[in-house]
Protein backbone atom coordinates (compact mmCIF):
# COMPACT_ATOMS: atom_id res chain seq x y z
CA MET A 1 3.68 3.03 117.97
CA THR A 2 1.72 5.17 115.55
CA TYR A 3 2.58 4.97 111.86
CA ALA A 4 2.13 7.73 109.31
CA ILE A 5 0.32 5.44 106.86
CA ALA A 6 -1.77 2.29 107.14
CA THR A 7 0.36 -0.73 108.08
CA PRO A 8 0.89 -2.98 105.04
CA ALA A 9 -0.67 -6.43 105.24
CA VAL A 10 1.66 -9.30 106.14
CA PRO A 11 1.89 -11.81 103.26
CA SER A 12 1.17 -15.33 104.46
CA LEU A 13 0.54 -18.92 103.40
CA PRO A 14 -1.98 -21.47 104.62
CA ILE A 15 -0.73 -24.47 106.56
CA ILE A 16 -2.09 -27.91 105.72
CA GLY A 17 -4.14 -29.26 108.61
CA SER A 18 -4.21 -25.99 110.55
CA ASP A 19 -6.26 -22.81 110.83
CA GLN A 20 -3.05 -20.85 111.40
CA ARG A 21 -1.06 -19.20 108.63
CA PHE A 22 2.66 -18.86 108.01
CA PRO A 23 3.80 -15.18 107.86
CA ILE A 24 6.36 -14.43 105.15
CA ARG A 25 9.40 -12.25 105.92
CA ARG A 26 11.66 -12.65 102.87
CA VAL A 27 11.81 -14.82 99.76
CA PHE A 28 15.18 -16.22 98.70
CA CYS A 29 15.77 -18.14 95.46
CA ILE A 30 18.67 -20.20 94.15
CA GLY A 31 19.45 -20.27 90.43
CA ARG A 32 21.01 -23.03 88.36
CA ASN A 33 20.39 -25.76 90.93
CA TYR A 34 19.51 -28.45 88.37
CA ALA A 35 22.23 -29.15 85.82
CA GLU A 36 19.82 -29.89 82.95
CA HIS A 37 18.03 -26.58 83.45
CA ALA A 38 21.36 -24.72 83.53
CA ARG A 39 22.27 -26.36 80.22
CA GLU A 40 18.96 -25.45 78.58
CA MET A 41 19.60 -21.83 79.60
CA GLY A 42 23.14 -21.92 78.20
CA ALA A 43 24.68 -21.58 81.65
CA VAL A 44 27.31 -23.50 83.58
CA VAL A 45 26.81 -24.68 87.16
CA ASP A 46 29.51 -23.55 89.58
CA LYS A 47 29.14 -26.01 92.46
CA SER A 48 31.48 -23.98 94.64
CA ALA A 49 29.45 -20.76 94.37
CA PRO A 50 25.65 -21.14 94.48
CA MET A 51 23.83 -18.20 92.89
CA PHE A 52 21.05 -16.47 94.85
CA PHE A 53 18.49 -13.76 94.17
CA CYS A 54 15.41 -12.49 96.00
CA LYS A 55 11.75 -11.76 95.43
CA PRO A 56 9.67 -9.43 97.64
CA ALA A 57 7.39 -11.14 100.14
CA ASP A 58 4.33 -9.52 98.59
CA ALA A 59 5.11 -11.18 95.25
CA VAL A 60 3.74 -14.41 96.76
CA VAL A 61 0.35 -15.50 95.40
CA SER A 62 -1.45 -17.77 97.88
CA ASP A 63 -4.64 -19.79 98.21
CA GLY A 64 -4.84 -20.58 94.48
CA ALA A 65 -5.61 -17.00 93.48
CA ASP A 66 -5.38 -16.06 89.81
CA VAL A 67 -1.98 -14.84 88.60
CA PRO A 68 -2.23 -11.70 86.45
CA TYR A 69 -0.12 -11.80 83.28
CA PRO A 70 2.60 -9.22 83.99
CA SER A 71 3.29 -6.05 82.05
CA MET A 72 6.28 -5.37 79.78
CA THR A 73 6.80 -8.97 78.64
CA THR A 74 5.75 -11.37 75.92
CA GLU A 75 7.68 -14.30 77.41
CA LEU A 76 6.33 -15.23 80.84
CA HIS A 77 8.01 -18.52 81.77
CA HIS A 78 7.20 -21.06 84.48
CA GLU A 79 9.83 -22.55 86.79
CA VAL A 80 8.42 -25.11 89.23
CA GLU A 81 10.31 -25.41 92.53
CA MET A 82 10.20 -26.97 95.97
CA VAL A 83 9.73 -24.24 98.58
CA VAL A 84 11.20 -24.46 102.09
CA ALA A 85 9.74 -22.38 104.94
CA LEU A 86 11.91 -21.54 107.95
CA ALA A 87 10.84 -21.43 111.60
CA GLY A 88 14.34 -20.55 112.79
CA GLY A 89 17.41 -18.81 111.47
CA GLY A 90 20.86 -17.48 112.15
CA ARG A 91 24.21 -16.79 110.53
CA ASP A 92 26.88 -19.25 109.40
CA ILE A 93 24.61 -22.24 109.92
CA ALA A 94 26.20 -25.66 109.54
CA PRO A 95 24.45 -28.01 107.09
CA ALA A 96 23.90 -30.50 109.94
CA GLN A 97 21.90 -27.83 111.83
CA ALA A 98 19.70 -26.82 108.90
CA ALA A 99 16.92 -29.41 109.26
CA ALA A 100 16.05 -28.16 112.75
CA LEU A 101 15.23 -24.72 111.32
CA ILE A 102 12.67 -25.91 108.75
CA PHE A 103 8.98 -25.29 109.46
CA GLY A 104 7.60 -26.96 106.37
CA TYR A 105 7.62 -27.55 102.65
CA GLY A 106 5.52 -26.44 99.70
CA VAL A 107 5.68 -26.09 95.94
CA GLY A 108 5.71 -22.89 93.94
CA LEU A 109 6.45 -21.23 90.63
CA ASP A 110 9.33 -18.82 90.13
CA LEU A 111 7.67 -16.88 87.32
CA THR A 112 10.15 -15.14 85.05
CA ARG A 113 9.88 -12.42 82.40
CA ARG A 114 12.36 -14.30 80.20
CA ASP A 115 12.74 -11.60 77.56
CA LEU A 116 13.62 -9.01 80.21
CA GLN A 117 16.02 -11.47 81.83
CA ALA A 118 17.78 -12.02 78.50
CA GLN A 119 18.10 -8.27 77.97
CA ALA A 120 19.55 -7.83 81.46
CA LYS A 121 22.04 -10.67 80.96
CA ALA A 122 23.19 -9.17 77.65
CA LYS A 123 23.89 -5.83 79.32
CA GLY A 124 25.34 -7.26 82.54
CA HIS A 125 22.45 -5.79 84.51
CA PRO A 126 20.66 -7.26 87.58
CA TRP A 127 17.66 -9.53 87.02
CA ASP A 128 15.25 -7.79 89.39
CA VAL A 129 12.68 -6.72 86.80
CA ALA A 130 12.69 -10.25 85.37
CA LYS A 131 12.27 -12.07 88.68
CA ALA A 132 10.93 -9.77 91.41
CA PHE A 133 7.78 -8.40 89.82
CA ASP A 134 4.26 -8.40 91.32
CA HIS A 135 2.56 -11.83 91.59
CA SER A 136 5.75 -13.62 90.49
CA ALA A 137 5.67 -16.34 93.17
CA PRO A 138 2.56 -18.53 93.42
CA VAL A 139 3.05 -20.90 96.37
CA SER A 140 1.00 -23.77 97.76
CA ALA A 141 -0.12 -24.37 101.32
CA LEU A 142 2.74 -25.60 103.48
CA ARG A 143 3.09 -29.13 104.81
CA PRO A 144 4.72 -29.13 108.29
CA ALA A 145 8.17 -30.70 108.15
CA HIS A 146 7.34 -33.51 110.56
CA GLU A 147 4.54 -34.62 108.22
CA ALA A 148 6.55 -34.42 104.99
CA ALA A 149 8.19 -37.64 103.84
CA LEU A 150 10.89 -36.34 101.49
CA ASP A 151 13.97 -38.03 100.05
CA ASP A 152 16.06 -38.00 96.88
CA ASP A 153 13.36 -39.91 95.00
CA SER A 154 10.60 -37.41 95.81
CA VAL A 155 9.14 -36.00 92.59
CA LEU A 156 8.62 -32.36 91.63
CA ARG A 157 6.45 -31.71 88.58
CA LEU A 158 4.35 -29.20 86.69
CA THR A 159 1.55 -29.62 84.19
CA VAL A 160 0.03 -26.81 82.12
CA ASN A 161 -3.41 -27.39 80.64
CA GLY A 162 -2.98 -31.08 81.48
CA GLU A 163 0.35 -31.38 79.62
CA LEU A 164 3.46 -32.39 81.58
CA ARG A 165 6.04 -29.60 81.29
CA GLN A 166 8.59 -30.24 84.06
CA GLN A 167 9.43 -33.26 86.21
CA SER A 168 12.44 -34.24 88.28
CA ARG A 169 13.61 -36.06 91.37
CA LEU A 170 14.82 -33.91 94.26
CA GLY A 171 18.02 -35.94 94.19
CA GLU A 172 18.94 -34.17 90.96
CA MET A 173 19.48 -30.86 92.78
CA VAL A 174 23.09 -29.68 92.64
CA HIS A 175 22.86 -28.23 96.16
CA GLY A 176 20.61 -29.99 98.68
CA VAL A 177 18.43 -28.13 101.14
CA PRO A 178 20.96 -28.21 104.03
CA GLN A 179 23.67 -26.85 101.74
CA ILE A 180 21.37 -24.11 100.42
CA ILE A 181 20.47 -22.97 103.94
CA ALA A 182 24.12 -23.05 105.03
CA ALA A 183 25.28 -21.05 102.00
CA LEU A 184 22.48 -18.48 102.33
CA SER A 185 23.33 -17.96 105.99
CA THR A 186 26.83 -16.81 105.08
CA LEU A 187 25.30 -13.98 103.02
CA PHE A 188 22.20 -13.08 105.06
CA GLU A 189 20.99 -13.56 108.58
CA LEU A 190 18.13 -16.01 108.10
CA LYS A 191 15.04 -15.56 110.27
CA PRO A 192 11.69 -17.20 110.97
CA GLY A 193 9.26 -16.46 108.15
CA ASP A 194 11.81 -16.80 105.35
CA LEU A 195 10.92 -18.82 102.25
CA ILE A 196 13.52 -20.48 100.04
CA PHE A 197 12.82 -21.47 96.43
CA THR A 198 15.22 -24.36 95.79
CA GLY A 199 15.68 -24.26 92.00
CA THR A 200 13.90 -25.57 88.92
CA PRO A 201 14.50 -28.60 86.69
CA ALA A 202 14.63 -28.54 82.89
CA GLY A 203 11.55 -27.89 80.79
CA VAL A 204 10.84 -24.21 81.45
CA ALA A 205 8.55 -22.72 78.83
CA ALA A 206 6.07 -19.94 78.16
CA LEU A 207 2.71 -19.39 79.82
CA GLN A 208 -0.19 -17.67 78.08
CA ARG A 209 -3.26 -15.88 79.36
CA GLY A 210 -5.89 -18.44 80.30
CA ASP A 211 -3.40 -21.26 80.95
CA ARG A 212 -4.10 -23.45 83.97
CA PHE A 213 -1.21 -24.97 85.87
CA HIS A 214 -0.88 -27.74 88.46
CA ALA A 215 2.38 -27.82 90.42
CA GLU A 216 3.09 -30.72 92.75
CA LEU A 217 5.68 -31.93 95.21
CA VAL A 218 4.25 -35.43 95.13
CA GLY A 219 2.78 -36.56 98.43
CA VAL A 220 3.59 -33.26 100.14
CA ALA A 221 1.93 -30.22 98.57
CA ALA A 222 0.22 -29.05 95.39
CA ILE A 223 -1.14 -25.85 93.90
CA ASP A 224 -3.57 -25.18 91.05
CA GLY A 225 -3.75 -21.78 89.41
CA ARG A 226 -4.64 -19.80 86.32
CA ILE A 227 -2.84 -17.09 84.37
CA ALA A 228 -5.43 -14.32 84.18
């Protein structure tokens, strides 16, 4: 097939212990998946109706590249999250089937233009400009699932300029990974190459130009970066 313009590059992530890379198809995110974070944002968790939004695949920043401070905001906030990469997919997936679809795990930041999000909330508008902007999703290299020892006591944390900002156990998630995958699959057909950001704990705060961050899913994956 001949295309009318140059074919866009496929966004991808490195894989720990491999020369291959993981191609990214779509990026799904769940909001309000840690109760303390929901409270700090003045929101209420509805356990019966998980809330999802998306980022474009080319919003992913990989390989520790600098993250440009985005336009049209003075409140760029960090939200550290475990990231799940899928090697399989489908519709109406049962939670018990979800683990078999997972390729690997990483850690990332759901960067948010908080002032634009607040304006959108006040007007009842979508959050796209607050969440889906360029370079809004730095993500680490992926650890293959069979090498990742994860349980409820696994720790997710973020430091900025050496100061601890966010830290939580995965067991504090309102919806676990199997439940997230199952719920997403009722709304979208999931496919290989999809990434899922699984929510952020309390402690979100502003980032400034020049800040250096270290995000870690302890024992599994880590990413260092700089706000340029």
